[in-house]
Amino acid sequence: MRLTIEQYGPWISNQLDGQLRSTRSKAAKLVDEAKRAVSEAQSFYEDLAKKGDRDMVTKKDAASYRAARVIAHGAHEAAARVRDIVIPSETSWESLKIVKDGLSVASRSIRDLRDSTARELSGFYILDMRSFGGTLDRIAKSGERLASFLEGEGSKLQRARTMTGIVESIKIARNELEEKTRELGGVKRDVEGLGRSESDLTSKVDQLEANANLREVLDIERELRKESRAFRAETLAHLQRPLRRLADLSQRGEYPLGSDEREALSAFVKSPYKSFLSKSTGEYLARIHMYDRRKGLLSKIEETRREELEIQEKMKSAASMTEAVNKRLVELLKQAEMKTREYVGKEVELEGISL
């Protein structure tokens, strides 16, 4: 049988409901018994507490007053312990365990209260203490029956719990996979967009470099670079250290310089050779501007390539995470198929999302 994930959840639930109908019916009866035991216990202990409170008002001798106070305190505490018992309306394995644990904790606590109360009464409230113990026994036996059921036939209810957990995990993994797939697609589109931008910029650079004026400027630039290396090594290297000292003195106010002078000095210290070039005068102004356009385009190309590398890293990460989620989903589908075979004796093949 081949099922989609959407079909599998209701299908396995119906299959397990049929198998566990009798078990759930028995569990519901045990829960009803527990409710009755808890309700009767709460009524009894609250009534006994009221009786003790009344006796504290009416008893005149010290021994009777003390006994009334002891029985009232014990009954109030026992009623509080019973009220702490939570009985959910559903009959799942988890809810039965909650009821069983609540009954067990309450019975142990009330037993300690009964023993300590009985030691202090010294013959008073004998019949009430018998009822105190009888009510406690009904709570304890209800908890024992639930514990025995959970260890036996009730353990089958864990099948529904297991399958519900698997189905929920499949849904979560599938949603995560769809999200990661969309994210990966978006990153791929970003990479493609950057690739087109880089291609456009490169085409513009090629067009500029085809211009004769720019080729002449580039030839001049290569010659200037040769001269630049010699100039920096022989002349500017000796000037930079004292000029940096002068710039520092100016920044501290020890040697006054105008703003234009400080700016020029700062530019010279950082890039002494280029600071001699002027963009506002000279017969080569137009060619230099054409050169600046090329330089700007190359800078944009470099920036685009950096962005492309970053996005490619994101794409690798997204692809890795998508692969991991897809692998987890496949494992969950296999687990669901195996548990279906084990629990309901039927072969199913689940359709997942695979990259």
Protein backbone atom coordinates (compact mmCIF):
# COMPACT_ATOMS: atom_id res chain seq x y z
CA MET A 1 0.00 0.00 0.00
CA ARG A 2 1.37 3.40 -1.02
CA LEU A 3 0.32 6.45 1.02
CA THR A 4 1.20 10.11 1.16
CA ILE A 5 2.17 11.69 4.46
CA GLU A 6 -1.23 13.40 4.64
CA GLN A 7 -3.01 10.07 4.14
CA TYR A 8 -0.81 8.12 6.53
CA GLY A 9 -1.67 10.03 9.74
CA PRO A 10 -5.47 9.38 9.69
CA TRP A 11 -4.94 5.87 8.31
CA ILE A 12 -2.58 4.67 11.06
CA SER A 13 -4.78 6.32 13.67
CA ASN A 14 -7.82 4.36 12.45
CA GLN A 15 -5.81 1.14 12.34
CA LEU A 16 -4.61 1.55 15.92
CA ASP A 17 -8.06 2.63 17.13
CA GLY A 18 -9.46 -0.68 15.94
CA GLN A 19 -6.72 -2.65 17.70
CA LEU A 20 -6.85 -0.64 20.92
CA ARG A 21 -10.64 -0.24 21.27
CA SER A 22 -10.90 -2.92 23.95
CA THR A 23 -7.78 -1.64 25.75
CA ARG A 24 -9.10 1.92 25.79
CA SER A 25 -12.46 0.71 27.10
CA LYS A 26 -10.74 -1.00 30.04
CA ALA A 27 -8.61 2.08 30.61
CA ALA A 28 -11.72 4.28 30.69
CA LYS A 29 -13.29 2.03 33.35
CA LEU A 30 -10.16 2.27 35.48
CA VAL A 31 -10.18 6.05 35.15
CA ASP A 32 -13.85 6.16 36.17
CA GLU A 33 -13.02 4.05 39.22
CA ALA A 34 -10.21 6.43 40.08
CA LYS A 35 -12.56 9.42 39.72
CA ARG A 36 -15.06 7.84 42.09
CA ALA A 37 -12.38 6.95 44.62
CA VAL A 38 -10.98 10.48 44.50
CA SER A 39 -14.43 12.10 44.73
CA GLU A 40 -15.45 9.93 47.69
CA ALA A 41 -12.12 10.52 49.41
CA GLN A 42 -12.36 14.29 48.98
CA SER A 43 -15.91 14.35 50.37
CA PHE A 44 -14.95 12.16 53.32
CA TYR A 45 -11.83 14.09 54.31
CA GLU A 46 -13.54 17.46 53.91
CA ASP A 47 -16.48 16.29 56.09
CA LEU A 48 -14.08 14.89 58.69
CA ALA A 49 -12.17 18.18 58.71
CA LYS A 50 -15.43 20.08 59.32
CA LYS A 51 -16.29 17.69 62.15
CA GLY A 52 -12.92 18.27 63.75
CA ASP A 53 -13.33 22.04 63.39
CA ARG A 54 -16.77 21.87 65.09
CA ASP A 55 -15.46 19.70 67.90
CA MET A 56 -12.67 22.17 68.57
CA VAL A 57 -15.36 24.73 69.35
CA THR A 58 -17.57 22.47 71.50
CA LYS A 59 -15.05 20.34 73.41
CA LYS A 60 -14.19 21.77 76.80
CA ASP A 61 -11.57 19.39 78.22
CA ALA A 62 -7.98 19.65 77.03
CA ALA A 63 -7.67 16.05 75.80
CA SER A 64 -10.82 16.20 73.66
CA TYR A 65 -9.87 19.62 72.27
CA ARG A 66 -6.40 18.38 71.35
CA ALA A 67 -7.84 15.27 69.67
CA ALA A 68 -10.28 17.42 67.66
CA ARG A 69 -7.44 19.66 66.58
CA VAL A 70 -5.32 16.67 65.51
CA ILE A 71 -8.13 15.00 63.53
CA ALA A 72 -9.08 18.31 61.90
CA HIS A 73 -5.49 19.00 60.84
CA GLY A 74 -4.98 15.48 59.46
CA ALA A 75 -8.28 15.59 57.53
CA HIS A 76 -7.54 19.04 56.06
CA GLU A 77 -4.12 17.85 54.89
CA ALA A 78 -5.55 14.62 53.43
CA ALA A 79 -8.23 16.58 51.54
CA ALA A 80 -5.53 18.84 50.10
CA ARG A 81 -3.54 15.82 48.91
CA VAL A 82 -6.63 14.39 47.20
CA ARG A 83 -7.35 17.70 45.48
CA ASP A 84 -3.84 17.59 44.01
CA ILE A 85 -4.69 14.44 42.02
CA VAL A 86 -5.15 15.29 38.32
CA ILE A 87 -7.44 13.06 36.25
CA PRO A 88 -7.37 13.98 32.51
CA SER A 89 -10.43 13.27 30.40
CA GLU A 90 -8.54 11.32 27.70
CA THR A 91 -7.38 7.72 28.00
CA SER A 92 -3.91 7.78 26.50
CA TRP A 93 -0.87 6.09 28.01
CA GLU A 94 0.43 9.46 29.22
CA SER A 95 -2.87 10.42 30.88
CA LEU A 96 -3.14 7.04 32.64
CA LYS A 97 0.38 7.42 33.96
CA ILE A 98 -0.50 10.89 35.28
CA VAL A 99 -3.49 9.45 37.14
CA LYS A 100 -1.47 6.50 38.46
CA ASP A 101 1.35 8.73 39.68
CA GLY A 102 -1.12 11.12 41.31
CA LEU A 103 -2.87 8.30 43.16
CA SER A 104 0.43 6.79 44.28
CA VAL A 105 1.83 10.08 45.59
CA ALA A 106 -1.43 10.94 47.36
CA SER A 107 -1.79 7.48 48.98
CA ARG A 108 1.77 7.56 50.34
CA SER A 109 1.30 11.05 51.75
CA ILE A 110 -2.13 10.28 53.28
CA ARG A 111 -0.79 7.05 54.80
CA ASP A 112 1.89 9.06 56.62
CA LEU A 113 -0.80 11.51 57.77
CA ARG A 114 -2.98 8.64 59.03
CA ASP A 115 -0.13 7.07 60.99
CA SER A 116 0.98 10.35 62.60
CA THR A 117 -2.61 11.33 63.37
CA ALA A 118 -3.46 7.93 64.90
CA ARG A 119 -0.43 8.10 67.22
CA GLU A 120 -1.67 11.37 68.72
CA LEU A 121 -5.37 10.56 69.18
CA SER A 122 -5.01 8.10 72.10
CA GLY A 123 -8.39 6.42 71.72
CA PHE A 124 -10.40 9.28 70.25
CA TYR A 125 -12.15 9.11 66.84
CA ILE A 126 -11.60 5.35 66.48
CA LEU A 127 -14.40 4.82 63.94
CA ASP A 128 -13.41 7.91 61.98
CA MET A 129 -9.84 6.68 61.75
CA ARG A 130 -11.07 3.31 60.44
CA SER A 131 -12.94 5.16 57.69
CA PHE A 132 -9.84 7.32 57.19
CA GLY A 133 -7.84 4.17 56.48
CA GLY A 134 -10.57 2.59 54.35
CA THR A 135 -10.78 5.65 52.12
CA LEU A 136 -6.99 5.63 51.80
CA ASP A 137 -7.04 1.96 50.81
CA ARG A 138 -9.50 2.61 47.97
CA ILE A 139 -7.20 5.33 46.58
CA ALA A 140 -4.14 3.07 46.90
CA LYS A 141 -5.89 0.08 45.26
CA SER A 142 -7.07 2.25 42.37
CA GLY A 143 -3.48 3.35 41.80
CA GLU A 144 -2.26 -0.26 42.00
CA ARG A 145 -4.81 -1.41 39.44
CA LEU A 146 -3.74 1.34 37.06
CA ALA A 147 -0.07 0.47 37.57
CA SER A 148 -0.76 -3.21 36.84
CA PHE A 149 -2.77 -2.30 33.74
CA LEU A 150 -0.02 -0.04 32.39
CA GLU A 151 2.56 -2.79 32.84
CA GLY A 152 0.30 -5.29 31.09
CA GLU A 153 -2.34 -4.70 28.44
CA GLY A 154 -2.15 -0.92 28.84
CA SER A 155 1.39 -0.93 27.49
CA LYS A 156 -0.19 -1.34 24.04
CA LEU A 157 -1.33 2.26 24.32
CA GLN A 158 2.30 3.24 23.87
CA ARG A 159 1.93 2.17 20.25
CA ALA A 160 -0.41 5.07 19.60
CA ARG A 161 1.97 7.34 21.49
CA THR A 162 4.93 6.14 19.40
CA MET A 163 3.13 6.51 16.08
CA THR A 164 1.77 9.94 16.99
CA GLY A 165 5.32 11.05 17.78
CA ILE A 166 6.64 9.67 14.47
CA VAL A 167 3.85 11.32 12.44
CA GLU A 168 4.45 14.68 14.14
CA SER A 169 8.20 14.39 13.56
CA ILE A 170 7.56 13.63 9.88
CA LYS A 171 5.37 16.71 9.53
CA ILE A 172 7.98 18.91 11.21
CA ALA A 173 10.81 17.50 9.07
CA ARG A 174 8.80 17.90 5.87
CA ASN A 175 7.92 21.52 6.66
CA GLU A 176 11.57 22.21 7.49
CA LEU A 177 12.65 20.55 4.25
CA GLU A 178 10.23 22.68 2.22
CA GLU A 179 11.54 25.81 3.95
CA LYS A 180 15.18 24.87 3.30
CA THR A 181 14.38 24.02 -0.32
CA ARG A 182 12.81 27.46 -0.82
CA GLU A 183 15.83 29.06 0.85
CA LEU A 184 18.21 27.13 -1.39
CA GLY A 185 16.25 28.18 -4.48
CA GLY A 186 16.44 31.83 -3.41
CA VAL A 187 20.20 31.62 -2.91
CA LYS A 188 20.63 30.03 -6.33
CA ARG A 189 18.66 32.89 -7.90
CA ASP A 190 20.90 35.40 -6.09
CA VAL A 191 24.00 33.70 -7.48
CA GLU A 192 22.56 33.78 -10.99
CA GLY A 193 21.71 37.48 -10.61
CA LEU A 194 25.22 38.33 -9.45
CA GLY A 195 26.65 36.34 -12.33
CA ARG A 196 24.63 38.40 -14.79
CA SER A 197 25.73 41.63 -13.09
CA GLU A 198 29.37 40.62 -13.28
CA SER A 199 28.97 39.74 -16.96
CA ASP A 200 27.40 43.15 -17.69
CA LEU A 201 30.16 45.01 -15.84
CA THR A 202 32.88 43.01 -17.59
CA SER A 203 31.30 43.82 -20.95
CA LYS A 204 31.38 47.55 -20.11
CA VAL A 205 35.05 47.30 -19.13
CA ASP A 206 35.83 45.60 -22.44
CA GLN A 207 34.06 48.40 -24.30
CA LEU A 208 36.07 51.04 -22.45
CA GLU A 209 39.37 49.26 -23.00
CA ALA A 210 38.65 49.15 -26.73
CA ASN A 211 38.91 52.96 -26.78
CA ALA A 212 42.30 54.18 -28.08
CA ASN A 213 42.52 57.00 -25.53
CA LEU A 214 42.09 54.58 -22.64
CA ARG A 215 44.69 52.20 -24.04
CA GLU A 216 47.13 55.12 -24.11
CA VAL A 217 46.30 55.92 -20.47
CA LEU A 218 46.80 52.28 -19.47
CA ASP A 219 50.19 52.22 -21.21
CA ILE A 220 51.12 55.40 -19.35
CA GLU A 221 49.92 53.82 -16.10
CA ARG A 222 52.23 50.84 -16.58
CA GLU A 223 55.19 53.16 -17.15
CA LEU A 224 54.20 55.27 -14.15
CA ARG A 225 54.12 52.22 -11.96
CA LYS A 226 57.71 51.45 -12.85
CA GLU A 227 58.71 55.01 -12.04
CA SER A 228 56.57 54.89 -8.91
CA ARG A 229 58.46 51.98 -7.40
CA ALA A 230 61.81 53.71 -7.89
CA PHE A 231 60.47 57.06 -6.69
CA ARG A 232 59.02 55.56 -3.51
CA ALA A 233 62.17 53.62 -2.76
CA GLU A 234 64.64 56.43 -3.38
CA THR A 235 62.81 59.63 -2.39
CA LEU A 236 59.44 59.27 -0.70
CA ALA A 237 60.56 56.61 1.76
CA HIS A 238 62.85 59.20 3.38
CA LEU A 239 60.04 61.75 3.61
CA GLN A 240 57.24 59.64 5.00
CA ARG A 241 58.56 59.21 8.54
CA PRO A 242 59.12 62.93 9.31
CA LEU A 243 55.86 63.83 7.56
CA ARG A 244 53.97 61.32 9.70
CA ARG A 245 55.56 62.96 12.73
CA LEU A 246 54.40 66.33 11.46
CA ALA A 247 50.86 65.00 10.96
CA ASP A 248 50.82 63.65 14.53
CA LEU A 249 52.00 67.00 15.93
CA SER A 250 49.29 68.78 13.95
CA GLN A 251 46.59 66.42 15.26
CA ARG A 252 47.68 67.15 18.84
CA GLY A 253 47.73 70.87 18.16
CA GLU A 254 51.48 71.22 18.77
CA TYR A 255 52.08 72.48 15.24
CA PRO A 256 49.30 74.53 13.62
CA LEU A 257 48.19 73.60 10.08
CA GLY A 258 45.17 74.69 8.08
CA SER A 259 42.46 72.13 7.24
CA ASP A 260 43.50 71.98 3.57
CA GLU A 261 47.12 71.48 4.55
CA ARG A 262 46.24 68.72 7.03
CA GLU A 263 44.13 66.97 4.40
CA ALA A 264 46.88 67.20 1.80
CA LEU A 265 49.49 66.00 4.28
CA SER A 266 47.29 63.06 5.29
CA ALA A 267 46.77 62.08 1.66
CA PHE A 268 50.51 62.35 0.95
CA VAL A 269 51.45 60.18 3.95
CA LYS A 270 48.95 57.47 2.97
CA SER A 271 49.66 57.49 -0.76
CA PRO A 272 52.48 59.91 -1.58
CA TYR A 273 52.86 59.12 -5.24
CA LYS A 274 49.20 59.37 -6.19
CA SER A 275 48.75 62.60 -4.25
CA PHE A 276 50.78 64.39 -6.94
CA LEU A 277 48.17 63.57 -9.61
CA SER A 278 45.59 66.28 -10.27
CA LYS A 279 42.10 65.59 -11.62
CA SER A 280 41.13 69.20 -12.08
CA THR A 281 43.77 70.44 -14.53
CA GLY A 282 45.89 69.26 -17.41
CA GLU A 283 45.46 68.17 -20.98
CA TYR A 284 44.92 64.53 -19.95
CA LEU A 285 41.84 65.28 -17.81
CA ALA A 286 39.34 63.59 -20.16
CA ARG A 287 41.50 60.50 -20.47
CA ILE A 288 41.92 60.29 -16.69
CA HIS A 289 38.14 60.53 -16.26
CA MET A 290 37.73 57.68 -18.84
CA TYR A 291 40.33 55.76 -16.72
CA ASP A 292 38.38 56.48 -13.51
CA ARG A 293 35.23 54.99 -15.04
CA ARG A 294 37.13 51.78 -15.79
CA LYS A 295 38.58 51.77 -12.30
CA GLY A 296 35.09 52.16 -10.81
CA LEU A 297 33.74 49.32 -12.93
CA LEU A 298 36.63 47.05 -11.89
CA SER A 299 35.90 47.91 -8.27
CA LYS A 300 32.24 46.96 -8.76
CA ILE A 301 33.27 43.71 -10.42
CA GLU A 302 35.49 42.89 -7.45
CA GLU A 303 32.70 43.71 -5.03
CA THR A 304 30.27 41.57 -7.04
CA ARG A 305 32.71 38.66 -6.94
CA ARG A 306 33.05 38.97 -3.17
CA GLU A 307 29.27 38.95 -2.81
CA GLU A 308 29.09 35.96 -5.13
CA LEU A 309 31.61 34.05 -3.00
CA GLU A 310 29.63 34.85 0.16
CA ILE A 311 26.38 33.70 -1.41
CA GLN A 312 28.04 30.55 -2.72
CA GLU A 313 29.06 29.76 0.85
CA LYS A 314 25.45 30.33 1.90
CA MET A 315 24.34 28.05 -0.90
CA LYS A 316 26.71 25.31 0.30
CA SER A 317 25.38 25.69 3.83
CA ALA A 318 21.76 25.67 2.67
CA ALA A 319 22.40 22.62 0.46
CA SER A 320 24.06 20.80 3.37
CA MET A 321 21.20 21.58 5.74
CA THR A 322 18.63 20.61 3.11
CA GLU A 323 20.40 17.29 2.58
CA ALA A 324 20.50 16.66 6.35
CA VAL A 325 16.78 17.37 6.77
CA ASN A 326 15.94 15.22 3.76
CA LYS A 327 17.99 12.37 5.24
CA ARG A 328 16.17 12.71 8.56
CA LEU A 329 12.81 12.67 6.79
CA VAL A 330 13.73 9.51 4.88
CA GLU A 331 14.76 7.82 8.15
CA LEU A 332 11.46 8.82 9.77
CA LEU A 333 9.49 7.42 6.84
CA LYS A 334 11.38 4.13 7.09
CA GLN A 335 10.73 4.05 10.84
CA ALA A 336 7.02 4.64 10.27
CA GLU A 337 6.91 1.82 7.70
CA MET A 338 8.72 -0.54 10.11
CA LYS A 339 6.46 0.31 13.07
CA THR A 340 3.36 -0.09 10.91
CA ARG A 341 4.54 -3.57 9.95
CA GLU A 342 5.22 -4.36 13.63
CA TYR A 343 2.05 -2.86 15.12
CA VAL A 344 -0.69 -3.52 12.57
CA GLY A 345 0.90 -6.22 10.40
CA LYS A 346 0.54 -4.31 7.13
CA GLU A 347 3.07 -3.23 4.54
CA VAL A 348 2.97 0.45 3.59
CA GLU A 349 5.20 2.62 1.44
CA LEU A 350 5.24 6.32 2.32
CA GLU A 351 5.81 9.01 -0.24
CA GLY A 352 8.28 11.61 1.02
CA ILE A 353 10.07 14.59 -0.42
CA SER A 354 13.42 13.73 -1.96
CA LEU A 355 15.94 16.05 -3.62
